């Protein structure tokens, strides 16, 4: 995923949105790591983790990260085509304020 972010950063002059997305993805990774540590500590204390809940948590975090990347790609695409009257933008409200 890091190589994909770097490739997107090279594709646009709006590097700040790519950097922001990268920071959010890192924060999600930290949250997942904290959760993993908490579950490990609970396991050591004899509290058995619920497999379904764990699977749901990790799947949700993966889905959130994927959505962030997809939305970043769509935003960069809209930035690339600004001023093109034949381009149908991904966001009706645009990318500029």
C-alpha atoms as a PDB file:
ATOM      1  CA  UNK A   1       0.000   0.000   0.000  1.00  0.00           C
ATOM      2  CA  UNK A   2       2.915   2.342   0.659  1.00  0.00           C
ATOM      3  CA  UNK A   3       4.141   1.997  -2.916  1.00  0.00           C
ATOM      4  CA  UNK A   4       0.639   2.776  -4.173  1.00  0.00           C
ATOM      5  CA  UNK A   5       0.536   5.958  -2.042  1.00  0.00           C
ATOM      6  CA  UNK A   6       3.944   7.030  -3.351  1.00  0.00           C
ATOM      7  CA  UNK A   7       2.790   6.447  -6.922  1.00  0.00           C
ATOM      8  CA  UNK A   8      -0.306   8.579  -6.306  1.00  0.00           C
ATOM      9  CA  UNK A   9       1.858  11.302  -4.771  1.00  0.00           C
ATOM     10  CA  UNK A  10       3.990  11.350  -7.912  1.00  0.00           C
ATOM     11  CA  UNK A  11       0.881  11.693 -10.087  1.00  0.00           C
ATOM     12  CA  UNK A  12      -0.398  14.907  -8.552  1.00  0.00           C
ATOM     13  CA  UNK A  13       0.803  18.339  -7.615  1.00  0.00           C
ATOM     14  CA  UNK A  14      -1.597  18.291  -4.637  1.00  0.00           C
ATOM     15  CA  UNK A  15       0.760  16.321  -2.451  1.00  0.00           C
ATOM     16  CA  UNK A  16      -0.842  17.572   0.762  1.00  0.00           C
ATOM     17  CA  UNK A  17      -3.958  15.428   0.306  1.00  0.00           C
ATOM     18  CA  UNK A  18      -1.810  12.376  -0.342  1.00  0.00           C
ATOM     19  CA  UNK A  19       0.251  13.136   2.771  1.00  0.00           C
ATOM     20  CA  UNK A  20      -2.937  13.572   4.818  1.00  0.00           C
ATOM     21  CA  UNK A  21      -4.260  10.213   3.597  1.00  0.00           C
ATOM     22  CA  UNK A  22      -0.926   8.614   4.407  1.00  0.00           C
ATOM     23  CA  UNK A  23      -1.128   9.984   7.957  1.00  0.00           C
ATOM     24  CA  UNK A  24      -4.676   8.660   8.372  1.00  0.00           C
ATOM     25  CA  UNK A  25      -3.609   5.220   7.137  1.00  0.00           C
ATOM     26  CA  UNK A  26      -0.724   5.228   9.614  1.00  0.00           C
ATOM     27  CA  UNK A  27      -3.144   6.156  12.418  1.00  0.00           C
ATOM     28  CA  UNK A  28      -5.369   3.225  11.453  1.00  0.00           C
ATOM     29  CA  UNK A  29      -2.321   0.935  11.524  1.00  0.00           C
ATOM     30  CA  UNK A  30      -1.506   2.212  15.024  1.00  0.00           C
ATOM     31  CA  UNK A  31      -5.083   1.533  16.122  1.00  0.00           C
ATOM     32  CA  UNK A  32      -4.870  -2.022  14.789  1.00  0.00           C
ATOM     33  CA  UNK A  33      -1.548  -2.537  16.565  1.00  0.00           C
ATOM     34  CA  UNK A  34      -2.996  -1.239  19.859  1.00  0.00           C
ATOM     35  CA  UNK A  35      -5.964  -3.573  19.446  1.00  0.00           C
ATOM     36  CA  UNK A  36      -3.657  -6.520  18.769  1.00  0.00           C
ATOM     37  CA  UNK A  37      -1.669  -5.740  21.915  1.00  0.00           C
ATOM     38  CA  UNK A  38      -4.838  -5.440  24.002  1.00  0.00           C
ATOM     39  CA  UNK A  39      -6.154  -8.778  22.761  1.00  0.00           C
ATOM     40  CA  UNK A  40      -2.759 -10.366  23.486  1.00  0.00           C
ATOM     41  CA  UNK A  41      -2.732  -8.996  27.026  1.00  0.00           C
ATOM     42  CA  UNK A  42      -6.285 -10.191  27.576  1.00  0.00           C
ATOM     43  CA  UNK A  43      -5.332 -13.635  26.298  1.00  0.00           C
ATOM     44  CA  UNK A  44      -2.451 -13.778  28.749  1.00  0.00           C
ATOM     45  CA  UNK A  45      -4.910 -12.871  31.507  1.00  0.00           C
ATOM     46  CA  UNK A  46      -7.166 -15.745  30.496  1.00  0.00           C
ATOM     47  CA  UNK A  47      -9.771 -13.751  28.573  1.00  0.00           C
ATOM     48  CA  UNK A  48     -10.429 -15.621  25.356  1.00  0.00           C
ATOM     49  CA  UNK A  49     -10.975 -13.367  22.310  1.00  0.00           C
ATOM     50  CA  UNK A  50     -14.107 -13.768  20.212  1.00  0.00           C
ATOM     51  CA  UNK A  51     -12.982 -14.887  16.768  1.00  0.00           C
ATOM     52  CA  UNK A  52     -15.972 -13.424  14.949  1.00  0.00           C
ATOM     53  CA  UNK A  53     -15.486 -10.015  16.549  1.00  0.00           C
ATOM     54  CA  UNK A  54     -11.769 -10.073  15.798  1.00  0.00           C
ATOM     55  CA  UNK A  55     -12.408 -10.965  12.182  1.00  0.00           C
ATOM     56  CA  UNK A  56     -14.996  -8.190  11.910  1.00  0.00           C
ATOM     57  CA  UNK A  57     -12.587  -5.646  13.414  1.00  0.00           C
ATOM     58  CA  UNK A  58      -9.707  -6.483  11.072  1.00  0.00           C
ATOM     59  CA  UNK A  59     -11.999  -6.687   8.046  1.00  0.00           C
ATOM     60  CA  UNK A  60     -13.501  -3.297   8.899  1.00  0.00           C
ATOM     61  CA  UNK A  61     -10.085  -1.683   9.268  1.00  0.00           C
ATOM     62  CA  UNK A  62      -9.012  -3.155   5.936  1.00  0.00           C
ATOM     63  CA  UNK A  63     -12.198  -1.880   4.273  1.00  0.00           C
ATOM     64  CA  UNK A  64     -11.737   1.624   5.704  1.00  0.00           C
ATOM     65  CA  UNK A  65      -8.181   1.760   4.384  1.00  0.00           C
ATOM     66  CA  UNK A  66      -9.324   0.564   0.959  1.00  0.00           C
ATOM     67  CA  UNK A  67     -12.076   3.201   0.852  1.00  0.00           C
ATOM     68  CA  UNK A  68      -9.579   5.934   1.746  1.00  0.00           C
ATOM     69  CA  UNK A  69      -7.322   4.887  -1.128  1.00  0.00           C
ATOM     70  CA  UNK A  70     -10.213   4.711  -3.606  1.00  0.00           C
ATOM     71  CA  UNK A  71     -11.482   8.159  -2.602  1.00  0.00           C
ATOM     72  CA  UNK A  72      -7.964   9.568  -2.866  1.00  0.00           C
ATOM     73  CA  UNK A  73      -7.670   8.150  -6.386  1.00  0.00           C
ATOM     74  CA  UNK A  74     -11.007   9.714  -7.374  1.00  0.00           C
ATOM     75  CA  UNK A  75     -10.008  13.072  -5.890  1.00  0.00           C
ATOM     76  CA  UNK A  76      -6.680  13.063  -7.742  1.00  0.00           C
ATOM     77  CA  UNK A  77      -8.511  12.167 -10.943  1.00  0.00           C
ATOM     78  CA  UNK A  78     -10.846  15.153 -10.453  1.00  0.00           C
ATOM     79  CA  UNK A  79      -7.854  17.440  -9.842  1.00  0.00           C
ATOM     80  CA  UNK A  80      -6.226  16.182 -13.054  1.00  0.00           C
ATOM     81  CA  UNK A  81      -9.318  16.959 -15.112  1.00  0.00           C
ATOM     82  CA  UNK A  82     -10.155  20.371 -13.667  1.00  0.00           C
ATOM     83  CA  UNK A  83     -11.230  22.694 -16.454  1.00  0.00           C
ATOM     84  CA  UNK A  84     -12.105  19.841 -18.817  1.00  0.00           C
ATOM     85  CA  UNK A  85     -15.730  20.529 -19.735  1.00  0.00           C
ATOM     86  CA  UNK A  86     -16.250  17.025 -21.146  1.00  0.00           C
ATOM     87  CA  UNK A  87     -15.102  15.257 -17.984  1.00  0.00           C
ATOM     88  CA  UNK A  88     -17.786  14.010 -15.610  1.00  0.00           C
ATOM     89  CA  UNK A  89     -16.366  14.576 -12.140  1.00  0.00           C
ATOM     90  CA  UNK A  90     -16.579  12.038  -9.350  1.00  0.00           C
ATOM     91  CA  UNK A  91     -17.825  14.649  -6.883  1.00  0.00           C
ATOM     92  CA  UNK A  92     -20.698  16.951  -7.885  1.00  0.00           C
ATOM     93  CA  UNK A  93     -19.526  19.665  -5.491  1.00  0.00           C
ATOM     94  CA  UNK A  94     -16.055  19.649  -7.074  1.00  0.00           C
ATOM     95  CA  UNK A  95     -12.618  19.581  -5.529  1.00  0.00           C
ATOM     96  CA  UNK A  96     -12.005  23.343  -5.332  1.00  0.00           C
ATOM     97  CA  UNK A  97     -13.742  25.682  -2.925  1.00  0.00           C
END
